[in-house]
Structure formats: C-alpha cells, structure tokens
N, C-alpha and C. Protein backbone atom coordinates (compact mmCIF):
# COMPACT_ATOMS: atom_id res chain seq x y z
N MET A 1 0.88 -1.33 0.04
CA MET A 1 0.02 -0.09 -0.12
C MET A 1 0.91 1.03 0.09
N HIS A 2 2.16 1.10 0.55
CA HIS A 2 2.92 2.18 0.63
C HIS A 2 3.49 2.63 -0.92
N LYS A 3 3.75 1.41 -1.50
CA LYS A 3 4.06 1.78 -2.80
C LYS A 3 3.07 2.79 -3.65
N ILE A 4 1.71 2.28 -3.44
CA ILE A 4 0.61 2.85 -4.16
C ILE A 4 0.81 4.40 -3.84
N ILE A 5 0.78 4.68 -2.58
CA ILE A 5 0.85 6.26 -2.03
C ILE A 5 2.03 6.89 -2.78
N SER A 6 3.14 6.24 -2.64
CA SER A 6 4.45 6.89 -3.19
C SER A 6 4.31 7.06 -4.71
N GLY A 7 3.66 6.06 -5.42
CA GLY A 7 3.41 6.13 -7.04
C GLY A 7 2.46 7.47 -7.13
N LEU A 8 1.40 7.68 -6.18
CA LEU A 8 0.66 8.68 -6.42
C LEU A 8 1.33 10.14 -6.23
N LEU A 9 2.16 10.23 -5.27
CA LEU A 9 2.72 11.47 -4.80
C LEU A 9 3.80 11.63 -6.00
N ILE A 10 4.65 10.70 -6.62
CA ILE A 10 5.50 10.97 -7.61
C ILE A 10 4.81 11.39 -8.86
N SER A 11 3.80 10.70 -9.17
CA SER A 11 3.15 11.27 -10.47
C SER A 11 2.61 12.63 -10.27
N TYR A 12 2.08 12.97 -9.15
CA TYR A 12 1.75 14.33 -8.75
C TYR A 12 2.53 15.07 -8.91
N CYS A 13 3.91 15.03 -8.59
CA CYS A 13 4.97 15.71 -8.48
C CYS A 13 5.36 16.15 -9.98
N MET A 14 5.56 15.12 -10.91
CA MET A 14 6.07 15.14 -12.22
C MET A 14 4.95 15.92 -12.94
N LEU A 15 3.58 15.58 -12.74
CA LEU A 15 2.54 16.34 -13.65
C LEU A 15 2.62 17.62 -13.22
N ALA A 16 2.60 18.11 -11.95
CA ALA A 16 2.95 19.46 -11.44
C ALA A 16 4.23 20.36 -11.98
N SER A 17 5.16 19.45 -12.23
CA SER A 17 6.33 20.21 -12.48
C SER A 17 6.14 20.50 -14.17
N GLY A 18 5.40 19.57 -14.79
CA GLY A 18 5.37 19.79 -16.32
C GLY A 18 4.28 20.81 -16.62
N TYR A 19 3.41 20.82 -15.76
CA TYR A 19 2.18 21.92 -15.82
C TYR A 19 2.74 23.26 -15.56
N ALA A 20 3.55 23.24 -14.75
CA ALA A 20 4.33 24.52 -14.19
C ALA A 20 5.11 25.30 -15.46
N GLN A 21 5.56 24.34 -16.38
CA GLN A 21 6.21 24.80 -17.70
C GLN A 21 5.58 25.11 -18.67
N SER A 22 4.21 24.84 -18.65
CA SER A 22 3.34 25.00 -19.68
C SER A 22 2.66 26.26 -19.45
N GLN A 23 1.56 26.57 -20.35
CA GLN A 23 0.66 27.74 -20.06
C GLN A 23 0.18 27.99 -18.74
N ARG A 24 0.35 29.38 -18.23
CA ARG A 24 0.02 29.69 -17.00
C ARG A 24 -1.49 30.25 -16.91
N ARG A 25 -2.08 30.45 -18.18
CA ARG A 25 -3.49 30.89 -18.19
C ARG A 25 -4.43 30.17 -17.23
N TYR A 26 -4.28 28.84 -17.18
CA TYR A 26 -5.35 28.08 -16.45
C TYR A 26 -4.34 27.53 -15.16
N PRO A 27 -4.46 28.15 -14.13
CA PRO A 27 -3.65 27.85 -12.96
C PRO A 27 -4.34 26.64 -12.23
N MET A 28 -3.57 25.95 -11.50
CA MET A 28 -4.02 24.88 -10.52
C MET A 28 -5.11 25.08 -9.48
N PRO A 29 -6.32 24.53 -9.57
CA PRO A 29 -7.39 25.06 -8.78
C PRO A 29 -7.22 24.11 -7.58
N LEU A 30 -7.76 25.00 -6.36
CA LEU A 30 -8.11 23.96 -5.37
C LEU A 30 -9.46 23.36 -5.43
N MET A 31 -9.68 22.15 -5.26
CA MET A 31 -11.03 21.48 -5.42
C MET A 31 -11.48 21.18 -4.10
N VAL A 32 -12.59 21.70 -3.79
CA VAL A 32 -13.27 21.71 -2.13
C VAL A 32 -14.50 20.85 -2.50
N THR A 33 -14.82 19.80 -1.67
CA THR A 33 -16.20 19.06 -1.88
C THR A 33 -16.85 18.83 -0.64
N VAL A 34 -18.10 18.61 -0.58
CA VAL A 34 -18.78 18.18 0.38
C VAL A 34 -19.28 16.82 -0.26
N GLN A 35 -19.36 15.61 0.41
CA GLN A 35 -19.74 14.35 -0.22
C GLN A 35 -20.44 13.61 0.56
N PHE A 36 -21.06 12.66 -0.04
CA PHE A 36 -21.93 11.68 0.82
C PHE A 36 -21.75 10.22 0.44
N HIS A 37 -21.28 9.16 1.45
CA HIS A 37 -20.74 7.80 1.01
C HIS A 37 -21.91 7.06 1.31
N SER A 38 -21.87 5.86 0.48
CA SER A 38 -22.68 4.84 0.66
C SER A 38 -22.10 3.45 0.42
N LEU A 39 -22.27 2.43 1.17
CA LEU A 39 -21.75 1.10 0.84
C LEU A 39 -23.05 0.23 -0.05
N THR A 40 -22.86 0.54 -1.44
CA THR A 40 -24.07 0.11 -2.18
C THR A 40 -23.76 -0.09 -3.64
N LEU A 41 -24.60 -0.70 -4.54
CA LEU A 41 -24.35 -0.79 -5.85
C LEU A 41 -24.51 0.65 -6.48
N PRO A 42 -23.89 0.97 -7.60
CA PRO A 42 -23.98 2.14 -8.26
C PRO A 42 -25.74 2.25 -8.51
N PHE A 43 -26.20 3.63 -8.30
CA PHE A 43 -27.32 4.11 -8.83
C PHE A 43 -28.54 3.37 -7.94
N HIS A 44 -28.16 2.74 -6.70
CA HIS A 44 -29.15 2.02 -6.01
C HIS A 44 -29.34 2.82 -4.79
N ASP A 45 -30.45 3.07 -4.40
CA ASP A 45 -30.93 3.71 -3.16
C ASP A 45 -30.12 5.23 -2.96
N LEU A 46 -30.27 6.11 -4.04
CA LEU A 46 -29.34 7.39 -3.82
C LEU A 46 -29.85 8.14 -2.62
N SER A 47 -31.07 7.88 -2.23
CA SER A 47 -31.38 8.72 -1.06
C SER A 47 -30.76 8.37 0.42
N GLY A 48 -30.08 7.08 0.22
CA GLY A 48 -29.37 6.43 1.50
C GLY A 48 -28.21 7.18 1.40
N ASN A 49 -27.36 7.74 0.35
CA ASN A 49 -26.31 8.34 0.46
C ASN A 49 -26.05 9.60 1.54
N PHE A 50 -27.12 10.15 1.51
CA PHE A 50 -27.25 11.50 2.15
C PHE A 50 -27.12 11.52 3.69
N ALA A 51 -27.23 10.14 4.39
CA ALA A 51 -26.81 9.91 5.61
C ALA A 51 -25.61 10.02 6.15
N ASN A 52 -24.55 10.05 5.21
CA ASN A 52 -23.38 9.84 5.43
C ASN A 52 -22.51 10.92 4.88
N MET A 53 -22.09 12.01 5.70
CA MET A 53 -21.39 13.08 5.04
C MET A 53 -19.88 12.96 5.23
N GLY A 54 -19.12 13.68 4.28
CA GLY A 54 -17.66 13.75 4.53
C GLY A 54 -17.20 15.06 3.83
N LEU A 55 -15.94 15.12 3.48
CA LEU A 55 -15.24 16.53 2.93
C LEU A 55 -14.16 16.03 2.12
N GLY A 56 -13.77 16.71 1.04
CA GLY A 56 -12.67 16.44 0.40
C GLY A 56 -11.95 17.77 -0.17
N LEU A 57 -10.50 17.48 -0.27
CA LEU A 57 -9.72 18.53 -1.09
C LEU A 57 -8.88 18.00 -2.14
N GLY A 58 -8.65 18.59 -3.05
CA GLY A 58 -8.11 18.15 -4.38
C GLY A 58 -7.53 19.27 -5.21
N THR A 59 -6.93 18.65 -6.46
CA THR A 59 -6.41 19.65 -7.18
C THR A 59 -6.53 18.94 -8.76
N GLU A 60 -6.26 19.70 -9.71
CA GLU A 60 -6.07 18.96 -10.91
C GLU A 60 -5.02 19.67 -11.88
N VAL A 61 -4.47 19.10 -12.87
CA VAL A 61 -3.54 19.40 -13.92
C VAL A 61 -4.16 19.32 -15.13
N GLY A 62 -4.04 20.17 -16.19
CA GLY A 62 -4.34 19.68 -17.61
C GLY A 62 -3.21 19.04 -18.54
N TYR A 63 -3.80 18.14 -19.11
CA TYR A 63 -2.54 17.65 -20.04
C TYR A 63 -2.52 18.56 -21.31
N GLN A 64 -3.42 19.55 -21.69
CA GLN A 64 -3.26 20.57 -22.75
C GLN A 64 -3.98 21.84 -22.48
N ALA A 65 -3.63 22.91 -23.04
CA ALA A 65 -4.50 24.17 -22.51
C ALA A 65 -5.74 24.26 -22.36
N GLN A 66 -6.68 23.39 -23.16
CA GLN A 66 -8.03 23.37 -23.37
C GLN A 66 -8.50 22.85 -22.02
N HIS A 67 -7.71 21.91 -21.55
CA HIS A 67 -8.13 21.14 -20.22
C HIS A 67 -9.34 20.24 -20.45
N THR A 68 -9.21 19.75 -21.80
CA THR A 68 -10.39 18.47 -22.07
C THR A 68 -9.77 17.21 -21.51
N LEU A 69 -8.55 17.23 -21.14
CA LEU A 69 -8.02 15.80 -20.35
C LEU A 69 -7.15 16.37 -19.23
N VAL A 70 -7.63 15.90 -18.07
CA VAL A 70 -6.89 16.62 -16.70
C VAL A 70 -6.57 15.30 -15.98
N GLN A 71 -5.77 15.51 -15.06
CA GLN A 71 -5.40 14.61 -13.97
C GLN A 71 -5.72 15.11 -13.01
N GLN A 72 -6.67 14.47 -11.85
CA GLN A 72 -7.09 15.02 -10.57
C GLN A 72 -6.39 14.27 -9.62
N PHE A 73 -6.38 14.90 -8.46
CA PHE A 73 -5.90 14.49 -7.25
C PHE A 73 -6.59 14.65 -6.08
N GLN A 74 -7.40 13.69 -5.29
CA GLN A 74 -8.03 14.16 -4.08
C GLN A 74 -7.81 13.26 -3.07
N VAL A 75 -8.09 14.04 -1.76
CA VAL A 75 -8.06 13.33 -0.37
C VAL A 75 -9.41 13.47 0.00
N ALA A 76 -10.09 12.46 0.60
CA ALA A 76 -11.60 12.56 0.80
C ALA A 76 -11.51 11.89 2.17
N TRP A 77 -12.35 12.48 3.05
CA TRP A 77 -12.67 11.85 4.11
C TRP A 77 -14.49 11.69 4.25
N PHE A 78 -14.84 10.66 4.85
CA PHE A 78 -16.19 10.36 5.06
C PHE A 78 -16.60 9.57 6.37
N HIS A 79 -17.69 10.00 6.77
CA HIS A 79 -18.36 9.27 8.01
C HIS A 79 -19.36 8.57 7.76
N ASN A 80 -19.44 7.23 8.21
CA ASN A 80 -20.32 6.28 8.06
C ASN A 80 -20.50 5.39 9.10
N LYS A 81 -21.63 5.75 9.78
CA LYS A 81 -21.97 5.05 11.10
C LYS A 81 -22.05 3.64 11.06
N ALA A 82 -22.56 3.00 10.07
CA ALA A 82 -23.04 1.66 9.74
C ALA A 82 -22.03 1.00 9.12
N ALA A 83 -21.01 1.44 8.05
CA ALA A 83 -19.90 0.85 7.59
C ALA A 83 -18.49 1.27 7.82
N GLY A 84 -18.48 2.21 8.61
CA GLY A 84 -17.09 2.64 9.23
C GLY A 84 -16.64 3.71 8.51
N ASN A 85 -15.95 4.73 9.03
CA ASN A 85 -15.37 5.74 8.49
C ASN A 85 -14.35 5.40 7.53
N GLY A 86 -13.97 6.39 6.67
CA GLY A 86 -12.94 6.28 5.64
C GLY A 86 -12.05 7.35 5.29
N LEU A 87 -10.74 7.19 5.07
CA LEU A 87 -10.02 8.46 4.46
C LEU A 87 -9.41 7.70 3.18
N MET A 88 -9.55 8.58 2.23
CA MET A 88 -9.37 8.15 0.80
C MET A 88 -8.33 8.81 0.16
N ALA A 89 -7.45 8.57 -0.51
CA ALA A 89 -6.43 9.30 -1.44
C ALA A 89 -6.49 8.66 -2.88
N PHE A 90 -6.93 9.51 -3.97
CA PHE A 90 -6.94 8.82 -5.20
C PHE A 90 -6.64 9.86 -6.35
N THR A 91 -6.18 9.34 -7.40
CA THR A 91 -5.93 10.08 -8.84
C THR A 91 -6.90 9.54 -9.76
N GLN A 92 -7.32 10.53 -10.69
CA GLN A 92 -8.22 9.91 -11.55
C GLN A 92 -7.73 10.84 -12.87
N THR A 93 -8.11 10.07 -14.22
CA THR A 93 -7.60 10.86 -15.42
C THR A 93 -9.09 11.14 -15.92
N ALA A 94 -9.27 12.36 -16.04
CA ALA A 94 -10.74 12.87 -16.62
C ALA A 94 -10.85 13.44 -17.61
N TRP A 95 -11.87 13.04 -18.64
CA TRP A 95 -11.93 13.37 -20.12
C TRP A 95 -13.26 14.46 -19.95
N ARG A 96 -13.11 15.59 -20.52
CA ARG A 96 -14.45 16.47 -20.84
C ARG A 96 -14.44 16.73 -22.31
N PRO A 97 -15.39 16.28 -23.00
CA PRO A 97 -15.63 16.30 -24.42
C PRO A 97 -15.94 17.98 -24.45
N VAL A 98 -15.25 18.58 -25.78
CA VAL A 98 -15.46 20.02 -26.02
C VAL A 98 -16.85 20.26 -26.49
N THR A 99 -17.46 21.11 -25.72
CA THR A 99 -18.77 21.34 -25.90
C THR A 99 -19.01 22.74 -26.68
N GLY A 100 -18.03 23.76 -26.40
CA GLY A 100 -18.03 25.03 -26.92
C GLY A 100 -19.04 25.79 -25.91
N SER A 101 -19.25 25.41 -24.77
CA SER A 101 -20.06 25.78 -23.51
C SER A 101 -19.26 25.89 -22.27
N PRO A 102 -19.59 26.94 -21.46
CA PRO A 102 -19.06 26.69 -20.22
C PRO A 102 -19.54 25.49 -19.26
N VAL A 103 -20.63 25.07 -19.76
CA VAL A 103 -21.27 23.83 -19.07
C VAL A 103 -20.42 22.43 -19.42
N TYR A 104 -19.95 21.68 -18.90
CA TYR A 104 -19.31 20.65 -19.35
C TYR A 104 -19.71 19.45 -18.68
N GLY A 105 -19.49 18.12 -19.13
CA GLY A 105 -19.92 16.90 -18.74
C GLY A 105 -18.06 16.33 -18.69
N GLU A 106 -18.07 15.25 -17.64
CA GLU A 106 -16.90 14.74 -17.71
C GLU A 106 -17.21 13.21 -17.04
N VAL A 107 -16.01 12.30 -17.59
CA VAL A 107 -15.80 10.98 -17.33
C VAL A 107 -14.34 10.81 -16.89
N ALA A 108 -14.39 10.16 -15.64
CA ALA A 108 -12.83 9.99 -15.12
C ALA A 108 -12.88 8.68 -14.44
N LEU A 109 -11.78 8.05 -14.69
CA LEU A 109 -11.27 6.64 -14.09
C LEU A 109 -9.86 6.81 -13.38
N GLY A 110 -9.68 6.09 -12.33
CA GLY A 110 -8.41 6.11 -11.45
C GLY A 110 -8.29 5.16 -10.55
N ALA A 111 -7.26 5.35 -9.50
CA ALA A 111 -7.00 4.29 -8.62
C ALA A 111 -6.52 5.11 -7.25
N GLY A 112 -6.67 4.35 -6.26
CA GLY A 112 -6.16 5.02 -4.89
C GLY A 112 -6.08 4.20 -3.83
N CYS A 113 -6.10 4.66 -2.71
CA CYS A 113 -6.05 3.98 -1.36
C CYS A 113 -7.10 4.25 -0.39
N LEU A 114 -7.93 3.44 0.17
CA LEU A 114 -8.89 3.71 1.14
C LEU A 114 -8.43 2.86 2.53
N LEU A 115 -8.25 3.98 3.49
CA LEU A 115 -8.01 3.59 4.96
C LEU A 115 -9.43 3.42 5.46
N ALA A 116 -10.11 2.24 5.75
CA ALA A 116 -11.39 2.06 6.24
C ALA A 116 -11.24 1.62 7.69
N SER A 117 -11.96 2.24 8.60
CA SER A 117 -12.25 1.81 9.85
C SER A 117 -13.43 0.93 10.03
N ARG A 118 -13.37 0.11 11.16
CA ARG A 118 -14.57 -0.70 11.50
C ARG A 118 -15.69 0.20 12.25
N PRO A 119 -16.91 -0.09 11.97
CA PRO A 119 -17.97 0.82 12.54
C PRO A 119 -18.00 0.72 14.13
N SER A 120 -17.87 -0.46 14.66
CA SER A 120 -17.76 -0.64 16.04
C SER A 120 -16.61 -1.62 16.44
N THR A 121 -16.53 -1.57 17.71
CA THR A 121 -15.29 -2.44 18.32
C THR A 121 -15.32 -3.92 17.98
N THR A 122 -14.44 -4.43 17.44
CA THR A 122 -14.30 -6.00 17.09
C THR A 122 -13.58 -6.69 18.33
N TRP A 123 -13.96 -7.94 18.35
CA TRP A 123 -13.44 -8.83 19.31
C TRP A 123 -12.57 -9.86 18.56
N GLN A 124 -11.66 -10.58 19.45
CA GLN A 124 -10.78 -11.54 18.81
C GLN A 124 -10.60 -12.60 20.05
N GLN A 125 -10.75 -13.69 19.75
CA GLN A 125 -10.59 -14.79 21.07
C GLN A 125 -9.07 -15.16 20.71
N VAL A 126 -8.69 -14.89 22.06
CA VAL A 126 -7.21 -15.16 22.58
C VAL A 126 -6.86 -15.87 23.64
N ASN A 127 -6.18 -17.12 23.59
CA ASN A 127 -6.26 -18.13 24.55
C ASN A 127 -7.52 -18.44 25.20
N GLY A 128 -8.62 -18.62 24.49
CA GLY A 128 -10.14 -18.78 25.03
C GLY A 128 -10.63 -17.50 25.58
N GLU A 129 -10.22 -16.54 25.53
CA GLU A 129 -10.78 -15.26 26.08
C GLU A 129 -10.95 -14.19 25.05
N TRP A 130 -12.18 -13.63 24.96
CA TRP A 130 -12.27 -12.58 24.06
C TRP A 130 -11.69 -11.24 24.44
N THR A 131 -10.93 -10.47 23.53
CA THR A 131 -10.46 -9.21 23.83
C THR A 131 -10.80 -8.27 22.86
N ALA A 132 -10.88 -7.07 23.19
CA ALA A 132 -11.33 -6.08 22.16
C ALA A 132 -9.97 -5.72 21.31
N LYS A 133 -10.27 -5.58 20.04
CA LYS A 133 -9.40 -5.03 18.98
C LYS A 133 -9.41 -3.79 18.61
N GLY A 134 -10.62 -2.90 19.17
CA GLY A 134 -10.85 -1.52 18.86
C GLY A 134 -11.35 -1.44 17.49
N HIS A 135 -11.34 -0.20 16.77
CA HIS A 135 -11.82 0.23 15.63
C HIS A 135 -11.15 0.25 14.49
N ALA A 136 -9.84 -0.25 14.72
CA ALA A 136 -8.94 -0.05 13.60
C ALA A 136 -9.28 -1.08 12.46
N GLY A 137 -9.02 -0.37 11.29
CA GLY A 137 -9.48 -1.10 9.93
C GLY A 137 -8.47 -1.50 9.25
N LYS A 138 -8.58 -1.39 7.90
CA LYS A 138 -7.58 -1.74 7.10
C LYS A 138 -7.37 -0.78 5.67
N ALA A 139 -6.28 -0.99 5.06
CA ALA A 139 -6.09 -0.24 3.87
C ALA A 139 -6.33 -1.12 2.59
N MET A 140 -7.00 -0.49 1.49
CA MET A 140 -7.57 -1.46 0.60
C MET A 140 -7.34 -0.44 -0.74
N LEU A 141 -7.18 -1.17 -1.92
CA LEU A 141 -7.10 -0.45 -3.10
C LEU A 141 -8.27 -0.15 -3.43
N VAL A 142 -8.67 1.10 -4.19
CA VAL A 142 -9.87 1.43 -4.70
C VAL A 142 -9.79 1.82 -5.89
N ILE A 143 -10.82 1.67 -6.86
CA ILE A 143 -11.00 2.01 -8.21
C ILE A 143 -12.16 2.92 -8.39
N PRO A 144 -11.84 4.26 -8.57
CA PRO A 144 -13.12 4.91 -8.70
C PRO A 144 -13.56 5.33 -10.14
N LEU A 145 -14.71 5.17 -10.42
CA LEU A 145 -15.10 5.47 -12.01
C LEU A 145 -16.39 6.81 -11.71
N GLY A 146 -15.80 7.89 -12.17
CA GLY A 146 -16.93 8.93 -11.98
C GLY A 146 -17.44 9.67 -13.16
N ILE A 147 -18.66 10.38 -12.90
CA ILE A 147 -19.42 11.04 -14.01
C ILE A 147 -19.67 12.32 -13.34
N SER A 148 -19.22 13.59 -13.94
CA SER A 148 -19.49 14.66 -13.53
C SER A 148 -20.22 15.71 -14.28
N ALA A 149 -20.61 16.82 -14.08
CA ALA A 149 -21.12 17.98 -14.78
C ALA A 149 -20.83 19.20 -13.96
N GLY A 150 -20.58 20.28 -14.77
CA GLY A 150 -20.06 21.49 -13.96
C GLY A 150 -20.01 22.44 -14.75
N TYR A 151 -19.82 23.72 -14.19
CA TYR A 151 -19.55 25.14 -14.90
C TYR A 151 -18.61 25.70 -14.88
N ASP A 152 -17.73 26.06 -15.99
CA ASP A 152 -16.29 26.58 -15.76
C ASP A 152 -16.12 27.47 -16.88
N SER A 153 -16.46 28.90 -16.87
CA SER A 153 -16.42 29.91 -17.77
C SER A 153 -15.05 30.37 -17.41
N ARG A 154 -13.95 29.96 -18.14
CA ARG A 154 -12.61 30.44 -17.98
C ARG A 154 -12.51 32.03 -18.72
N ARG A 155 -13.41 32.06 -19.61
CA ARG A 155 -13.34 33.41 -20.34
C ARG A 155 -13.70 34.57 -19.20
N ALA A 156 -14.47 34.21 -18.41
CA ALA A 156 -15.11 35.12 -17.40
C ALA A 156 -14.05 35.60 -16.31
N ASP A 157 -12.81 34.75 -15.95
CA ASP A 157 -12.08 34.91 -14.96
C ASP A 157 -12.64 34.91 -13.71
N ALA A 158 -13.80 33.89 -13.58
CA ALA A 158 -14.40 33.59 -12.28
C ALA A 158 -13.45 32.91 -11.04
N MET A 159 -13.79 33.15 -10.15
CA MET A 159 -12.83 32.47 -9.00
C MET A 159 -13.45 31.11 -8.85
N PHE A 160 -14.93 30.93 -8.92
CA PHE A 160 -15.26 29.61 -8.35
C PHE A 160 -15.85 28.88 -9.56
N ALA A 161 -15.76 27.60 -9.65
CA ALA A 161 -16.44 26.99 -10.93
C ALA A 161 -17.14 25.60 -10.21
N PRO A 162 -18.28 25.77 -10.02
CA PRO A 162 -19.09 24.61 -9.31
C PRO A 162 -19.21 23.23 -10.18
N TYR A 163 -19.51 21.96 -9.41
CA TYR A 163 -19.40 20.95 -10.13
C TYR A 163 -20.10 20.04 -9.16
N ILE A 164 -21.03 18.90 -9.67
CA ILE A 164 -21.45 17.73 -8.95
C ILE A 164 -20.59 16.61 -9.52
N SER A 165 -20.54 15.59 -9.13
CA SER A 165 -20.19 14.22 -9.35
C SER A 165 -20.51 13.02 -8.73
N TYR A 166 -20.54 12.18 -9.41
CA TYR A 166 -21.04 10.78 -8.82
C TYR A 166 -19.88 9.51 -9.13
N GLN A 167 -19.39 9.35 -7.95
CA GLN A 167 -18.12 8.46 -8.05
C GLN A 167 -18.83 6.94 -7.61
N MET A 168 -18.51 6.02 -8.49
CA MET A 168 -18.74 4.49 -8.38
C MET A 168 -17.51 3.77 -8.25
N MET A 169 -17.22 3.28 -6.90
CA MET A 169 -15.92 2.67 -6.71
C MET A 169 -16.04 1.42 -6.29
N LEU A 170 -14.81 0.44 -6.55
CA LEU A 170 -14.60 -0.80 -5.88
C LEU A 170 -13.50 -0.71 -5.09
N ALA A 171 -13.83 -1.37 -3.79
CA ALA A 171 -12.77 -1.36 -2.76
C ALA A 171 -12.42 -3.06 -2.96
N VAL A 172 -11.11 -3.18 -3.24
CA VAL A 172 -10.27 -4.47 -3.38
C VAL A 172 -9.68 -4.89 -2.20
N GLY A 173 -10.03 -6.21 -1.75
CA GLY A 173 -9.31 -6.75 -0.56
C GLY A 173 -10.15 -6.45 0.79
N TYR A 174 -11.44 -6.27 0.62
CA TYR A 174 -12.31 -5.85 1.69
C TYR A 174 -12.23 -7.19 2.78
N ASN A 175 -12.38 -8.48 2.53
CA ASN A 175 -12.08 -9.52 3.38
C ASN A 175 -12.20 -10.81 2.33
N PRO A 176 -11.67 -12.01 3.03
CA PRO A 176 -11.62 -13.22 2.09
C PRO A 176 -12.85 -13.61 1.58
N SER A 177 -13.95 -13.37 2.32
CA SER A 177 -15.28 -13.83 1.72
C SER A 177 -15.85 -13.01 0.75
N VAL A 178 -15.53 -11.65 0.91
CA VAL A 178 -16.03 -10.57 -0.13
C VAL A 178 -14.79 -9.96 -0.48
N PRO A 179 -14.07 -10.19 -1.66
CA PRO A 179 -13.16 -9.51 -1.96
C PRO A 179 -13.24 -7.98 -2.48
N VAL A 180 -14.22 -8.09 -3.24
CA VAL A 180 -14.53 -6.58 -3.72
C VAL A 180 -15.86 -6.11 -3.37
N VAL A 181 -15.77 -4.91 -3.05
CA VAL A 181 -17.19 -4.23 -2.33
C VAL A 181 -17.51 -2.98 -3.05
N PRO A 182 -18.49 -2.88 -3.59
CA PRO A 182 -19.02 -1.73 -4.41
C PRO A 182 -19.25 -0.50 -3.13
N GLN A 183 -18.99 0.71 -3.78
CA GLN A 183 -19.20 2.03 -2.76
C GLN A 183 -19.53 3.04 -3.73
N THR A 184 -20.37 4.29 -3.27
CA THR A 184 -20.35 5.19 -3.78
C THR A 184 -20.02 6.66 -3.22
N LEU A 185 -19.81 7.61 -4.07
CA LEU A 185 -19.72 9.06 -3.37
C LEU A 185 -20.42 9.85 -4.24
N ILE A 186 -21.27 10.67 -3.79
CA ILE A 186 -21.90 11.95 -4.43
C ILE A 186 -21.07 13.12 -3.81
N GLN A 187 -20.64 13.86 -4.94
CA GLN A 187 -19.75 14.91 -4.40
C GLN A 187 -20.39 16.39 -4.98
N ALA A 188 -20.56 17.29 -4.22
CA ALA A 188 -20.73 18.52 -4.74
C ALA A 188 -19.52 19.55 -4.44
N GLY A 189 -19.13 20.42 -5.26
CA GLY A 189 -18.01 21.27 -4.84
C GLY A 189 -17.85 22.24 -5.82
N SER A 190 -16.72 22.78 -5.72
CA SER A 190 -16.07 23.87 -6.56
C SER A 190 -14.68 23.96 -6.75
N ARG A 191 -14.31 24.19 -7.87
CA ARG A 191 -12.85 24.56 -8.16
C ARG A 191 -12.65 26.08 -7.79
N ILE A 192 -11.74 26.44 -6.86
CA ILE A 192 -11.30 27.70 -6.84
C ILE A 192 -10.00 28.08 -7.20
N TYR A 193 -10.14 29.21 -8.07
CA TYR A 193 -8.81 29.65 -8.93
C TYR A 193 -8.33 30.84 -8.24
N PHE A 194 -7.49 30.97 -7.63
CA PHE A 194 -6.78 31.97 -6.80
C PHE A 194 -6.12 32.96 -7.69
N ASN A 195 -5.44 32.57 -8.86
CA ASN A 195 -4.66 33.37 -9.57
C ASN A 195 -5.05 33.39 -11.17
N ARG A 196 -6.19 33.66 -11.42
CA ARG A 196 -6.54 33.97 -12.78
C ARG A 196 -6.34 35.13 -13.28
C-alpha cells in the first residue's frame, strides 16, 4: 500500500512540474467538496447516500491548454456510522468532451488507497478469552469511476467553478469472503482559482 501512495505522490510531482512549465493561463485550482458515502451498488438507493457526510480536497492539472484531459488528485474523508469511516487518497484521469459551452460533462477513471475503520469495536478470541481489537480497520485498493457535470467559464475570469460528481468505486481486499465491495460517493463542490 505504501508503494501505491508513493506512486501517486511521484505522479503528482511530475505532472505539477510539467504543468508549471506549460501555459499559466489556467492555474491549478483548489477543489473543495462536500460528499456523501454509501456502501451500495451504483445508482441503488440514492437517498441513502445523504446520511453519510464527508469532506474532500484536491487539485487538477491539464494535459493541454484546453483542459479537455486532466489529471485529478483528491483526498477525501467520510463518516459512515453503519459501515465505518474512511480516508481515501486517489487520482483520476478525467476527459471532458469539447462542447463550446462553459457547461461541461466529464468521465473519470483512476485508482487510490482507502483506509477504512470498523463501525464498532471488534473482538478476537485469544487463549479462550475474548479481547477487544478496537476500531482499527485496513487499507484497500480503491478503483473509482466518476461522472460529473459542472460550469467553468474560463473567459469570465471567475474564481469559482461549481460541479457535481457521482463516483462509483470498487474497494479491493475487503475480506476473504467478499474480496470486492462496491461503494459510491456523491460529491458537490467547486474548483477555486486564486490566480486567474
């Protein structure tokens, strides 16, 4: 798992370095999100997502001046009383088809790491007696696939660019009986441009 996190950090540094040498017309934004987590199949019981709130921070760098292909980096925390809290760091490559309008759609695919805690204290039998193991959870590989819509008028020099996103995720390595678990995140946030 340390190799995954190290790889994400190295990728970020390389992309940020390349971006700094490219056009500065579109600076790296700060992405701030409020999000809602659910341990469920995609598009199933959407109202259930809104009981489990979280926060996220991130940024993105463009592969070209038009920003139709970008690399995003996010760190997200969520609270889920039933399934356990989580802290996730992931990167996604996002594609935004050119529409000629400030309103855009986006499809993104990536990978990352999820540190999930247990929702309640677990117990383990040691020498015939039950002892508490606490809430400590485990690290898992997570594969997010996202669809988003947003507004980003770069010509208007606006500081805020709001968007909404629906992330379908697979957590790999949940336990031996259920190796892959589907999860979802509904995100509402904004890119904040400080130096336009």
